Amino acid sequence: MSDAHLTPQHFLWRIENGVGVVTLDRPERKNPLTFDSYAELCDLFRGLHAPNEVKAVVITGAGTLGHRPSRTCRRSCTRAALG
């Protein structure tokens, strides 16, 4: 499957050097992952037929965060990253 075969309605999609990049593109709504966008992601992943086409997928959001995470969140994320 190439970029030309998919025209997602709920996110942007591209492949760069074997990495698929999903960009949730509704920053005014804080880039929600809705039931519709989740279903579309499932269809996208099922449609990747070539095993070496995409080795990893990055999911990101458009726009800026607009606030800093709380101290508790930063500690939890750090602990999770360190194992």
Protein backbone atom coordinates (compact mmCIF):
# COMPACT_ATOMS: atom_id res chain seq x y z
CA MET A 1 0.00 0.00 0.00
CA SER A 2 1.34 3.43 -0.79
CA ASP A 3 0.30 6.88 0.34
CA ALA A 4 -1.78 7.22 -2.82
CA HIS A 5 -4.07 4.31 -1.84
CA LEU A 6 -5.33 5.94 1.35
CA THR A 7 -7.13 9.21 1.81
CA PRO A 8 -7.91 9.28 5.54
CA GLN A 9 -10.67 11.54 6.76
CA HIS A 10 -9.67 11.76 10.43
CA PHE A 11 -5.88 12.13 10.33
CA LEU A 12 -2.92 12.74 8.03
CA TRP A 13 -0.79 9.77 6.90
CA ARG A 14 2.63 9.51 5.31
CA ILE A 15 5.51 7.03 5.12
CA GLU A 16 9.09 8.26 5.48
CA ASN A 17 12.01 5.82 5.30
CA GLY A 18 9.91 2.89 6.51
CA VAL A 19 8.25 4.85 9.32
CA GLY A 20 4.52 5.55 9.10
CA VAL A 21 3.52 8.90 10.56
CA VAL A 22 -0.08 9.45 11.70
CA THR A 23 -0.88 13.06 12.56
CA LEU A 24 -4.14 13.74 14.35
CA ASP A 25 -5.06 17.07 12.76
CA ARG A 26 -7.72 18.72 14.89
CA PRO A 27 -5.68 20.94 17.23
CA GLU A 28 -8.72 23.09 18.01
CA ARG A 29 -10.23 19.99 19.68
CA LYS A 30 -6.90 18.83 21.18
CA ASN A 31 -6.53 16.09 18.52
CA PRO A 32 -8.99 13.52 19.87
CA LEU A 33 -8.71 9.85 18.95
CA THR A 34 -12.38 9.21 18.20
CA PHE A 35 -14.18 5.95 17.41
CA ASP A 36 -14.19 6.94 13.73
CA SER A 37 -10.48 7.76 13.65
CA TYR A 38 -9.68 4.55 15.54
CA ALA A 39 -11.67 2.50 12.99
CA GLU A 40 -9.85 4.26 10.16
CA LEU A 41 -6.48 3.51 11.79
CA CYS A 42 -7.43 -0.18 12.04
CA ASP A 43 -8.33 -0.21 8.35
CA LEU A 44 -5.02 1.48 7.53
CA PHE A 45 -2.97 -1.04 9.49
CA ARG A 46 -4.87 -3.98 7.97
CA GLY A 47 -4.20 -2.54 4.52
CA LEU A 48 -0.42 -2.55 4.92
CA HIS A 49 0.27 -5.68 2.88
CA ALA A 50 4.01 -5.48 2.30
CA PRO A 51 5.74 -6.64 5.50
CA ASN A 52 8.74 -4.34 5.02
CA GLU A 53 6.79 -1.29 3.89
CA VAL A 54 6.37 0.12 7.41
CA LYS A 55 8.63 -0.96 10.26
CA ALA A 56 7.25 1.44 12.89
CA VAL A 57 4.40 3.91 13.32
CA VAL A 58 4.54 7.25 15.12
CA ILE A 59 1.28 8.86 16.22
CA THR A 60 1.47 12.59 16.84
CA GLY A 61 -0.82 15.59 16.99
CA ALA A 62 -0.89 18.86 15.09
CA GLY A 63 -0.57 22.20 16.84
CA THR A 64 0.97 22.98 20.19
CA LEU A 65 0.26 21.54 23.59
CA GLY A 66 -0.52 24.94 25.08
CA HIS A 67 0.14 23.90 28.69
CA ARG A 68 2.73 22.09 30.76
CA PRO A 69 2.00 18.66 32.19
CA SER A 70 1.49 18.55 35.93
CA ARG A 71 4.28 17.54 38.28
CA THR A 72 2.54 14.21 38.99
CA CYS A 73 2.26 13.46 35.28
CA ARG A 74 5.95 14.27 34.72
CA ARG A 75 6.96 11.93 37.56
CA SER A 76 4.72 9.11 36.31
CA CYS A 77 6.01 9.47 32.75
CA THR A 78 9.62 9.49 33.96
CA ARG A 79 9.07 6.35 36.06
CA ALA A 80 7.40 4.59 33.12
CA ALA A 81 10.26 5.53 30.78
CA LEU A 82 12.93 4.35 33.23
CA GLY A 83 11.13 1.09 33.95
